[in-house]
Amino acid sequence: MLLRLACGAYLIYLAWGLREGAFQGQNGMVFGIAMILFGLVGVALAGWNTFLLATGRYRLPHESEYLEDAPSSESEMDDSTQSSPLDPKT
């Protein structure tokens, strides 16, 4: 999460650094397009991650919904849930 925020900020910094050469000289069009692209992606990346952080919607990978329903230890599981497909049904 913080890495994505830092990457977004760095892309905005790069776009700001390209403003002097944008649309001037022989490679000005390339610098201008790169400036616009870096700026848009940086604002989107930093903005989206800031929004997720501010609204509390960000989840760490180990906090997925899949893991919330799983038993936390083997003692919580009974013997009927530990059957194997190779065991004969009784």
Protein backbone atom coordinates (compact mmCIF):
# COMPACT_ATOMS: atom_id res chain seq x y z
CA MET A 1 0.00 0.00 0.00
CA LEU A 2 2.68 2.49 0.98
CA LEU A 3 4.79 1.37 -1.96
CA ARG A 4 1.94 2.19 -4.36
CA LEU A 5 1.53 5.60 -2.74
CA ALA A 6 5.27 6.22 -3.09
CA CYS A 7 5.19 5.09 -6.75
CA GLY A 8 2.29 7.43 -7.46
CA ALA A 9 4.13 10.32 -5.82
CA TYR A 10 7.29 9.50 -7.78
CA LEU A 11 5.39 9.47 -11.08
CA ILE A 12 3.95 12.88 -10.24
CA TYR A 13 7.49 14.08 -9.43
CA LEU A 14 8.74 12.76 -12.78
CA ALA A 15 5.89 14.50 -14.61
CA TRP A 16 6.76 17.76 -12.86
CA GLY A 17 10.40 17.38 -13.89
CA LEU A 18 9.46 16.91 -17.54
CA ARG A 19 7.46 20.15 -17.73
CA GLU A 20 10.43 22.22 -18.92
CA GLY A 21 11.10 20.08 -21.97
CA ALA A 22 7.49 19.34 -22.82
CA PHE A 23 6.42 20.35 -26.31
CA GLN A 24 9.68 22.21 -27.01
CA GLY A 25 12.48 21.28 -29.33
CA GLN A 26 12.99 18.11 -31.32
CA ASN A 27 11.78 15.63 -28.69
CA GLY A 28 9.23 17.93 -27.09
CA MET A 29 6.24 15.89 -28.19
CA VAL A 30 7.67 12.75 -26.57
CA PHE A 31 8.37 14.63 -23.33
CA GLY A 32 4.90 16.14 -23.39
CA ILE A 33 3.18 12.79 -23.85
CA ALA A 34 5.35 11.23 -21.13
CA MET A 35 4.59 14.13 -18.80
CA ILE A 36 0.84 13.75 -19.29
CA LEU A 37 0.98 9.96 -18.98
CA PHE A 38 3.16 9.98 -15.85
CA GLY A 39 1.00 12.66 -14.26
CA LEU A 40 -2.29 10.88 -14.94
CA VAL A 41 -1.05 7.48 -13.77
CA GLY A 42 0.61 8.99 -10.71
CA VAL A 43 -2.50 10.92 -9.66
CA ALA A 44 -4.70 7.87 -10.26
CA LEU A 45 -2.40 5.53 -8.33
CA ALA A 46 -1.83 7.85 -5.38
CA GLY A 47 -5.43 9.04 -5.33
CA TRP A 48 -7.00 5.58 -5.43
CA ASN A 49 -4.75 4.25 -2.67
CA THR A 50 -5.34 7.33 -0.53
CA PHE A 51 -9.09 6.86 -1.01
CA LEU A 52 -8.88 3.20 0.03
CA LEU A 53 -6.82 4.09 3.09
CA ALA A 54 -9.10 6.96 4.13
CA THR A 55 -12.32 4.95 3.80
CA GLY A 56 -10.96 1.83 5.49
CA ARG A 57 -11.54 -0.36 2.44
CA TYR A 58 -7.95 -1.51 2.13
CA ARG A 59 -7.30 -5.12 3.14
CA LEU A 60 -3.99 -6.80 3.60
CA PRO A 61 -3.54 -10.02 1.62
CA HIS A 62 -3.75 -12.14 4.78
CA GLU A 63 -7.08 -10.51 5.73
CA SER A 64 -9.13 -11.98 2.90
CA GLU A 65 -12.72 -13.16 3.37
CA TYR A 66 -11.66 -16.70 2.51
CA LEU A 67 -9.54 -16.98 5.63
CA GLU A 68 -12.14 -15.50 7.99
CA ASP A 69 -14.37 -18.60 7.87
CA ALA A 70 -11.55 -21.12 8.26
CA PRO A 71 -10.98 -22.68 11.69
CA SER A 72 -7.96 -21.25 13.45
CA SER A 73 -6.68 -24.53 14.87
CA GLU A 74 -7.04 -28.28 14.40
CA SER A 75 -8.82 -28.63 17.73
CA GLU A 76 -11.78 -26.68 16.31
CA MET A 77 -12.19 -29.20 13.51
CA ASP A 78 -14.08 -32.41 14.25
CA ASP A 79 -13.20 -35.80 12.81
CA SER A 80 -16.01 -35.72 10.24
CA THR A 81 -14.46 -32.79 8.38
CA GLN A 82 -11.08 -34.50 8.12
CA SER A 83 -12.18 -37.35 5.86
CA SER A 84 -10.20 -38.19 2.79
CA PRO A 85 -11.70 -38.94 -0.63
CA LEU A 86 -9.91 -42.32 -0.46
CA ASP A 87 -11.54 -43.34 2.83
CA PRO A 88 -14.60 -45.61 2.47
CA LYS A 89 -17.81 -44.00 3.65
CA THR A 90 -19.36 -45.71 6.67
